[in-house]
N, C-alpha and C. Protein backbone atom coordinates (compact mmCIF):
# COMPACT_ATOMS: atom_id res chain seq x y z
N MET A 1 -53.75 100.76 -22.27
CA MET A 1 -52.70 101.43 -21.54
C MET A 1 -51.41 100.63 -21.73
N ASN A 2 -50.32 101.34 -21.73
CA ASN A 2 -49.01 100.73 -21.89
C ASN A 2 -48.72 99.79 -20.71
N ARG A 3 -48.13 98.63 -20.99
CA ARG A 3 -47.85 97.64 -19.96
C ARG A 3 -46.90 98.19 -18.89
N ASN A 4 -45.88 98.95 -19.31
CA ASN A 4 -44.94 99.51 -18.33
C ASN A 4 -45.62 100.49 -17.39
N LYS A 5 -46.57 101.27 -17.90
CA LYS A 5 -47.31 102.19 -17.04
C LYS A 5 -48.15 101.43 -16.03
N GLN A 6 -48.72 100.30 -16.45
CA GLN A 6 -49.49 99.47 -15.52
C GLN A 6 -48.60 98.92 -14.43
N VAL A 7 -47.40 98.50 -14.79
CA VAL A 7 -46.46 97.97 -13.81
C VAL A 7 -46.07 99.07 -12.83
N LEU A 8 -45.79 100.26 -13.33
CA LEU A 8 -45.39 101.37 -12.46
C LEU A 8 -46.52 101.80 -11.54
N GLU A 9 -47.76 101.66 -11.97
CA GLU A 9 -48.88 101.96 -11.09
C GLU A 9 -48.96 100.97 -9.94
N MET A 10 -48.53 99.75 -10.18
CA MET A 10 -48.54 98.72 -9.14
C MET A 10 -47.36 98.87 -8.17
N CYS A 11 -46.37 99.66 -8.55
CA CYS A 11 -45.14 99.79 -7.77
C CYS A 11 -44.93 101.24 -7.33
N PRO A 12 -45.55 101.65 -6.22
CA PRO A 12 -45.41 103.05 -5.78
C PRO A 12 -43.99 103.41 -5.32
N ASN A 13 -43.16 102.42 -4.99
CA ASN A 13 -41.80 102.68 -4.51
C ASN A 13 -40.75 102.60 -5.61
N PHE A 14 -41.17 102.46 -6.87
CA PHE A 14 -40.25 102.21 -7.97
C PHE A 14 -39.13 103.26 -8.05
N TYR A 15 -39.48 104.51 -8.10
CA TYR A 15 -38.47 105.55 -8.29
C TYR A 15 -37.57 105.69 -7.06
N ARG A 16 -38.12 105.48 -5.88
CA ARG A 16 -37.29 105.49 -4.67
C ARG A 16 -36.27 104.38 -4.71
N ILE A 17 -36.69 103.20 -5.16
CA ILE A 17 -35.80 102.03 -5.19
C ILE A 17 -34.73 102.21 -6.26
N ILE A 18 -35.13 102.60 -7.45
CA ILE A 18 -34.20 102.74 -8.57
C ILE A 18 -33.18 103.86 -8.30
N ASN A 19 -33.61 104.93 -7.66
CA ASN A 19 -32.74 106.08 -7.41
C ASN A 19 -32.02 106.01 -6.06
N PHE A 20 -32.14 104.90 -5.36
CA PHE A 20 -31.51 104.76 -4.06
C PHE A 20 -29.99 104.80 -4.22
N GLU A 21 -29.35 105.66 -3.45
CA GLU A 21 -27.90 105.77 -3.50
C GLU A 21 -27.31 104.91 -2.38
N TYR A 22 -26.49 103.98 -2.77
CA TYR A 22 -25.85 103.07 -1.82
C TYR A 22 -24.34 103.16 -2.01
N PHE A 23 -23.62 102.63 -1.02
CA PHE A 23 -22.16 102.65 -1.10
C PHE A 23 -21.67 101.82 -2.27
N GLU A 24 -20.59 102.25 -2.85
CA GLU A 24 -20.03 101.59 -4.02
C GLU A 24 -19.65 100.13 -3.73
N GLU A 25 -19.16 99.87 -2.53
CA GLU A 25 -18.74 98.50 -2.19
C GLU A 25 -19.92 97.61 -1.80
N ASP A 26 -21.11 98.17 -1.70
CA ASP A 26 -22.31 97.40 -1.36
C ASP A 26 -22.90 96.80 -2.64
N GLN A 27 -22.37 95.64 -3.03
CA GLN A 27 -22.80 95.01 -4.28
C GLN A 27 -24.16 94.32 -4.13
N ILE A 28 -24.50 93.92 -2.94
CA ILE A 28 -25.76 93.22 -2.72
C ILE A 28 -26.95 94.12 -3.03
N THR A 29 -26.90 95.36 -2.58
CA THR A 29 -27.99 96.29 -2.85
C THR A 29 -28.14 96.53 -4.34
N GLY A 30 -27.05 96.68 -5.03
CA GLY A 30 -27.09 96.85 -6.48
C GLY A 30 -27.71 95.66 -7.18
N LYS A 31 -27.37 94.46 -6.74
CA LYS A 31 -27.94 93.23 -7.32
C LYS A 31 -29.43 93.12 -7.02
N LEU A 32 -29.82 93.46 -5.78
CA LEU A 32 -31.25 93.40 -5.42
C LEU A 32 -32.07 94.36 -6.27
N ILE A 33 -31.56 95.55 -6.50
CA ILE A 33 -32.27 96.53 -7.32
C ILE A 33 -32.36 96.04 -8.76
N LYS A 34 -31.31 95.43 -9.26
CA LYS A 34 -31.32 94.87 -10.62
C LYS A 34 -32.34 93.72 -10.72
N ILE A 35 -32.37 92.85 -9.72
CA ILE A 35 -33.34 91.75 -9.70
C ILE A 35 -34.76 92.30 -9.67
N TYR A 36 -34.97 93.32 -8.84
CA TYR A 36 -36.29 93.97 -8.75
C TYR A 36 -36.72 94.51 -10.10
N GLU A 37 -35.84 95.25 -10.74
CA GLU A 37 -36.18 95.87 -12.02
C GLU A 37 -36.45 94.81 -13.09
N ASP A 38 -35.61 93.78 -13.15
CA ASP A 38 -35.82 92.70 -14.12
C ASP A 38 -37.15 91.99 -13.88
N PHE A 39 -37.43 91.70 -12.61
CA PHE A 39 -38.63 90.94 -12.29
C PHE A 39 -39.91 91.69 -12.61
N ILE A 40 -40.01 92.94 -12.19
CA ILE A 40 -41.28 93.64 -12.37
C ILE A 40 -41.60 93.88 -13.84
N PHE A 41 -40.59 94.01 -14.68
CA PHE A 41 -40.86 94.23 -16.09
C PHE A 41 -40.98 92.94 -16.90
N LYS A 42 -40.59 91.81 -16.32
CA LYS A 42 -40.76 90.52 -16.99
C LYS A 42 -42.00 89.78 -16.52
N ALA A 43 -42.53 90.14 -15.38
CA ALA A 43 -43.67 89.43 -14.81
C ALA A 43 -44.93 89.70 -15.65
N ASP A 44 -45.77 88.69 -15.69
CA ASP A 44 -47.06 88.80 -16.37
C ASP A 44 -48.07 89.33 -15.36
N ILE A 45 -48.40 90.61 -15.46
CA ILE A 45 -49.27 91.22 -14.46
C ILE A 45 -50.72 90.82 -14.61
N LYS A 46 -51.05 90.12 -15.69
CA LYS A 46 -52.41 89.60 -15.85
C LYS A 46 -52.63 88.36 -14.99
N ASP A 47 -51.54 87.69 -14.64
CA ASP A 47 -51.60 86.55 -13.75
C ASP A 47 -51.66 87.07 -12.31
N ASP A 48 -52.66 86.66 -11.56
CA ASP A 48 -52.87 87.18 -10.21
C ASP A 48 -51.68 86.92 -9.29
N GLU A 49 -51.10 85.74 -9.37
CA GLU A 49 -49.98 85.38 -8.50
C GLU A 49 -48.76 86.27 -8.80
N GLU A 50 -48.47 86.47 -10.05
CA GLU A 50 -47.32 87.29 -10.41
C GLU A 50 -47.57 88.77 -10.09
N ALA A 51 -48.80 89.23 -10.26
CA ALA A 51 -49.14 90.61 -9.89
C ALA A 51 -48.98 90.81 -8.39
N ARG A 52 -49.37 89.81 -7.60
CA ARG A 52 -49.19 89.88 -6.15
C ARG A 52 -47.71 89.92 -5.80
N MET A 53 -46.89 89.13 -6.51
CA MET A 53 -45.45 89.13 -6.25
C MET A 53 -44.81 90.46 -6.63
N VAL A 54 -45.30 91.09 -7.69
CA VAL A 54 -44.76 92.40 -8.10
C VAL A 54 -45.04 93.43 -7.01
N LYS A 55 -46.26 93.44 -6.49
CA LYS A 55 -46.61 94.38 -5.43
C LYS A 55 -45.80 94.10 -4.17
N LYS A 56 -45.63 92.83 -3.86
CA LYS A 56 -44.92 92.46 -2.63
C LYS A 56 -43.43 92.79 -2.72
N ILE A 57 -42.79 92.51 -3.86
CA ILE A 57 -41.37 92.81 -3.98
C ILE A 57 -41.13 94.31 -3.96
N ASP A 58 -42.08 95.08 -4.47
CA ASP A 58 -41.99 96.54 -4.38
C ASP A 58 -42.05 96.98 -2.92
N TYR A 59 -42.96 96.41 -2.17
CA TYR A 59 -43.09 96.74 -0.75
C TYR A 59 -41.83 96.32 0.03
N VAL A 60 -41.33 95.13 -0.26
CA VAL A 60 -40.17 94.59 0.45
C VAL A 60 -38.93 95.45 0.19
N LEU A 61 -38.68 95.82 -1.05
CA LEU A 61 -37.50 96.63 -1.31
C LEU A 61 -37.68 98.07 -0.83
N GLY A 62 -38.91 98.53 -0.73
CA GLY A 62 -39.16 99.82 -0.08
C GLY A 62 -38.75 99.76 1.37
N LYS A 63 -39.10 98.65 2.05
CA LYS A 63 -38.68 98.46 3.44
C LYS A 63 -37.17 98.29 3.54
N TYR A 64 -36.58 97.62 2.55
CA TYR A 64 -35.14 97.41 2.52
C TYR A 64 -34.41 98.76 2.53
N ILE A 65 -34.93 99.71 1.80
CA ILE A 65 -34.32 101.04 1.74
C ILE A 65 -34.52 101.78 3.05
N ASP A 66 -35.69 101.67 3.65
CA ASP A 66 -36.03 102.44 4.85
C ASP A 66 -35.47 101.87 6.14
N ASP A 67 -35.37 100.55 6.25
CA ASP A 67 -35.08 99.89 7.52
C ASP A 67 -33.67 99.30 7.52
N ASN A 68 -32.78 99.89 8.31
CA ASN A 68 -31.39 99.41 8.37
C ASN A 68 -31.29 98.00 8.94
N LEU A 69 -32.11 97.68 9.93
CA LEU A 69 -32.07 96.33 10.51
C LEU A 69 -32.45 95.28 9.47
N PHE A 70 -33.48 95.57 8.70
CA PHE A 70 -33.88 94.63 7.66
C PHE A 70 -32.80 94.54 6.58
N ARG A 71 -32.18 95.65 6.26
CA ARG A 71 -31.12 95.64 5.24
C ARG A 71 -29.98 94.74 5.67
N ARG A 72 -29.58 94.85 6.95
CA ARG A 72 -28.49 93.99 7.44
C ARG A 72 -28.89 92.52 7.43
N LYS A 73 -30.14 92.24 7.84
CA LYS A 73 -30.60 90.85 7.86
C LYS A 73 -30.65 90.29 6.44
N MET A 74 -31.15 91.09 5.51
CA MET A 74 -31.23 90.63 4.12
C MET A 74 -29.84 90.35 3.56
N GLN A 75 -28.88 91.21 3.87
CA GLN A 75 -27.54 91.02 3.35
C GLN A 75 -26.88 89.77 3.91
N LYS A 76 -27.28 89.35 5.11
CA LYS A 76 -26.77 88.10 5.67
C LYS A 76 -27.51 86.89 5.10
N GLU A 77 -28.82 86.99 5.03
CA GLU A 77 -29.65 85.85 4.65
C GLU A 77 -29.64 85.56 3.15
N ILE A 78 -29.34 86.54 2.32
CA ILE A 78 -29.42 86.35 0.87
C ILE A 78 -28.41 85.30 0.39
N PHE A 79 -27.35 85.09 1.16
CA PHE A 79 -26.36 84.10 0.77
C PHE A 79 -26.85 82.67 1.02
N ASN A 80 -27.90 82.51 1.82
CA ASN A 80 -28.46 81.19 2.10
C ASN A 80 -29.58 80.79 1.16
N VAL A 81 -29.84 81.59 0.15
CA VAL A 81 -30.94 81.32 -0.77
C VAL A 81 -30.61 80.12 -1.65
N LYS A 82 -31.55 79.20 -1.69
CA LYS A 82 -31.43 78.02 -2.54
C LYS A 82 -32.52 78.09 -3.61
N VAL A 83 -32.16 77.81 -4.84
CA VAL A 83 -33.10 77.86 -5.95
C VAL A 83 -33.63 76.46 -6.21
N SER A 84 -34.93 76.31 -6.08
CA SER A 84 -35.58 75.02 -6.29
C SER A 84 -35.87 74.79 -7.77
N ARG A 85 -35.98 73.56 -8.15
CA ARG A 85 -36.28 73.23 -9.55
C ARG A 85 -37.75 73.40 -9.91
N ARG A 86 -38.59 73.65 -8.92
CA ARG A 86 -40.01 73.75 -9.20
C ARG A 86 -40.38 75.07 -9.88
N TYR A 87 -39.46 76.02 -9.88
CA TYR A 87 -39.71 77.30 -10.53
C TYR A 87 -39.34 77.23 -12.00
N LYS A 88 -40.15 77.87 -12.82
CA LYS A 88 -39.87 77.86 -14.25
C LYS A 88 -38.71 78.80 -14.60
N HIS A 89 -38.53 79.83 -13.78
CA HIS A 89 -37.43 80.78 -13.99
C HIS A 89 -36.70 80.99 -12.67
N LYS A 90 -35.41 81.11 -12.74
CA LYS A 90 -34.62 81.33 -11.53
C LYS A 90 -34.93 82.68 -10.90
N LEU A 91 -35.28 83.65 -11.71
CA LEU A 91 -35.61 84.98 -11.20
C LEU A 91 -36.81 84.93 -10.26
N TYR A 92 -37.81 84.12 -10.60
CA TYR A 92 -38.98 83.96 -9.74
C TYR A 92 -38.60 83.31 -8.41
N ALA A 93 -37.69 82.37 -8.47
CA ALA A 93 -37.25 81.70 -7.25
C ALA A 93 -36.52 82.67 -6.33
N ILE A 94 -35.69 83.50 -6.90
CA ILE A 94 -34.94 84.47 -6.09
C ILE A 94 -35.90 85.47 -5.45
N VAL A 95 -36.85 85.98 -6.23
CA VAL A 95 -37.82 86.94 -5.71
C VAL A 95 -38.67 86.30 -4.61
N ASP A 96 -39.08 85.07 -4.81
CA ASP A 96 -39.86 84.36 -3.80
C ASP A 96 -39.06 84.20 -2.51
N ASN A 97 -37.78 83.93 -2.62
CA ASN A 97 -36.92 83.80 -1.44
C ASN A 97 -36.70 85.15 -0.75
N ILE A 98 -36.60 86.22 -1.51
CA ILE A 98 -36.47 87.55 -0.91
C ILE A 98 -37.71 87.88 -0.11
N ILE A 99 -38.87 87.56 -0.66
CA ILE A 99 -40.14 87.79 0.04
C ILE A 99 -40.21 86.92 1.30
N ALA A 100 -39.73 85.69 1.21
CA ALA A 100 -39.73 84.79 2.37
C ALA A 100 -38.82 85.33 3.47
N ILE A 101 -37.67 85.88 3.11
CA ILE A 101 -36.77 86.48 4.10
C ILE A 101 -37.47 87.63 4.80
N PHE A 102 -38.19 88.46 4.04
CA PHE A 102 -38.92 89.57 4.63
C PHE A 102 -40.01 89.08 5.57
N ASN A 103 -40.75 88.06 5.15
CA ASN A 103 -41.81 87.52 6.01
C ASN A 103 -41.24 86.98 7.31
N HIS A 104 -40.11 86.32 7.23
CA HIS A 104 -39.45 85.80 8.41
C HIS A 104 -38.99 86.97 9.31
N TYR A 105 -38.46 88.01 8.71
CA TYR A 105 -38.03 89.20 9.46
C TYR A 105 -39.22 89.83 10.19
N GLU A 106 -40.35 89.95 9.51
CA GLU A 106 -41.53 90.54 10.14
C GLU A 106 -42.00 89.71 11.32
N GLU A 107 -41.97 88.39 11.18
CA GLU A 107 -42.38 87.52 12.28
C GLU A 107 -41.44 87.68 13.48
N ASP A 108 -40.16 87.81 13.21
CA ASP A 108 -39.18 87.95 14.30
C ASP A 108 -39.28 89.29 15.01
N THR A 109 -39.57 90.35 14.27
CA THR A 109 -39.57 91.67 14.88
C THR A 109 -40.91 92.08 15.45
N THR A 110 -41.96 91.41 15.07
CA THR A 110 -43.27 91.74 15.62
C THR A 110 -43.33 91.24 17.05
N ARG A 111 -43.70 92.12 17.92
CA ARG A 111 -43.73 91.76 19.33
C ARG A 111 -45.15 91.38 19.73
N SER A 112 -45.23 90.42 20.59
CA SER A 112 -46.51 90.05 21.16
C SER A 112 -46.75 90.94 22.37
N ILE A 113 -47.90 91.52 22.41
CA ILE A 113 -48.25 92.39 23.53
C ILE A 113 -49.18 91.62 24.45
N TYR A 114 -48.76 91.50 25.66
CA TYR A 114 -49.55 90.79 26.65
C TYR A 114 -50.22 91.80 27.57
N ILE A 115 -51.47 91.58 27.83
CA ILE A 115 -52.18 92.44 28.75
C ILE A 115 -52.19 91.73 30.10
N SER A 116 -51.56 92.38 31.04
CA SER A 116 -51.48 91.76 32.35
C SER A 116 -52.75 92.09 33.15
N ARG A 117 -53.11 91.17 33.97
CA ARG A 117 -54.29 91.36 34.83
C ARG A 117 -53.84 91.67 36.23
N TRP A 118 -54.46 92.65 36.76
CA TRP A 118 -54.19 92.98 38.15
C TRP A 118 -55.28 92.35 39.00
N ILE A 119 -54.86 91.67 40.00
CA ILE A 119 -55.82 90.99 40.87
C ILE A 119 -56.08 91.86 42.08
């Protein structure tokens, strides 16, 4: 099977992300979509870690499109991204940081539900 078809099977949100219409002055969204597209087609999907990252970045940018609160948080936090030297490619570092921002967002927005006891 063609490698691109395998990648697209791993990314159910691909066409939604690529065809997302954003404001012209919103350069961050355009850059994130470009990073997404570059990463998923350059990643080695035979490597389990990179395949996991491809699936995760697809999920994260799907949420980015759907969730306005997450979009605002990402647009603020993306400027604080630092690229470590431990990554072989800068693109992998950026994608890893985007995923980390999403994980942090999920932790912040997930509410703890307490069951109160009536005495």
